[in-house]
């Protein structure tokens, strides 16, 4: 599984006879794997933007704030 350890491998299902929630194993299909990759890329991209916004101590152009440059990076 490697990088997909955070992918949901167990699914909560409601059993009619037990009256409660039970965990059931689900298979990591190619679709779930692709969705996990997309989700991971999105998370990594967001973390990179946040890190760049938080770490950038470089002087900005006059009138431009750190938050303005970060918000423009998020839009792109």
Protein backbone atom coordinates (compact mmCIF):
# COMPACT_ATOMS: atom_id res chain seq x y z
CA UNK A 1 0.00 0.00 0.00
CA UNK A 2 2.91 2.38 0.64
CA UNK A 3 1.76 5.98 0.27
CA UNK A 4 -1.87 4.95 0.52
CA UNK A 5 -1.80 4.06 4.19
CA UNK A 6 -4.23 6.93 4.84
CA UNK A 7 -6.71 5.57 2.35
CA UNK A 8 -9.81 4.10 3.86
CA UNK A 9 -9.36 0.34 4.03
CA UNK A 10 -12.24 -0.25 6.40
CA UNK A 11 -15.80 0.86 5.86
CA UNK A 12 -18.46 1.40 8.49
CA UNK A 13 -21.59 -0.57 7.69
CA UNK A 14 -24.80 -0.77 9.65
CA UNK A 15 -25.78 -4.33 10.37
CA UNK A 16 -29.49 -4.96 10.61
CA UNK A 17 -29.21 -7.77 13.15
CA UNK A 18 -26.63 -6.20 15.50
CA UNK A 19 -28.25 -2.79 15.82
CA UNK A 20 -24.86 -1.07 15.77
CA UNK A 21 -22.07 -0.09 13.43
CA UNK A 22 -19.56 -2.70 12.32
CA UNK A 23 -16.26 -2.30 10.45
CA UNK A 24 -15.97 -4.24 7.20
CA UNK A 25 -12.87 -4.60 5.01
CA UNK A 26 -13.09 -3.05 1.55
CA UNK A 27 -10.80 -3.65 -1.38
CA UNK A 28 -8.45 -0.92 -2.61
CA UNK A 29 -9.63 -0.84 -6.23
CA UNK A 30 -7.95 1.13 -8.98
CA UNK A 31 -10.65 3.80 -8.70
CA UNK A 32 -10.14 4.21 -4.94
CA UNK A 33 -6.38 4.27 -5.50
CA UNK A 34 -6.70 7.00 -8.15
CA UNK A 35 -8.98 9.02 -5.86
CA UNK A 36 -6.46 8.67 -3.04
CA UNK A 37 -3.64 9.87 -5.31
CA UNK A 38 -5.69 12.92 -6.32
CA UNK A 39 -6.54 13.66 -2.69
CA UNK A 40 -2.89 13.31 -1.63
CA UNK A 41 -1.71 15.63 -4.42
CA UNK A 42 -4.28 18.22 -3.38
CA UNK A 43 -3.22 18.00 0.27
CA UNK A 44 0.47 18.23 -0.62
CA UNK A 45 -0.19 21.23 -2.86
CA UNK A 46 -2.15 23.00 -0.12
CA UNK A 47 0.60 22.27 2.41
CA UNK A 48 3.24 23.62 0.01
CA UNK A 49 1.28 26.85 -0.47
CA UNK A 50 0.76 27.26 3.28
CA UNK A 51 4.43 26.58 3.96
CA UNK A 52 5.50 29.08 1.29
CA UNK A 53 3.15 31.72 2.70
CA UNK A 54 4.29 31.16 6.27
CA UNK A 55 8.01 30.98 5.58
CA UNK A 56 8.38 33.77 3.02
CA UNK A 57 10.27 36.46 4.90
CA UNK A 58 11.47 38.11 1.71
CA UNK A 59 10.55 41.77 1.45
CA UNK A 60 7.46 42.30 -0.67
CA UNK A 61 6.87 45.03 -3.18
CA UNK A 62 5.54 48.23 -1.59
CA UNK A 63 1.81 47.97 -1.02
CA UNK A 64 1.70 44.19 -1.44
CA UNK A 65 1.17 42.16 1.68
CA UNK A 66 2.12 38.55 2.33
CA UNK A 67 -1.53 37.47 2.43
CA UNK A 68 -2.25 39.05 -0.96
CA UNK A 69 0.56 37.14 -2.65
CA UNK A 70 -0.50 33.90 -0.92
CA UNK A 71 -4.15 34.27 -1.86
CA UNK A 72 -3.17 34.80 -5.50
CA UNK A 73 -1.05 31.63 -5.34
CA UNK A 74 -4.03 29.66 -4.03
CA UNK A 75 -6.30 30.86 -6.85
CA UNK A 76 -3.88 29.64 -9.53
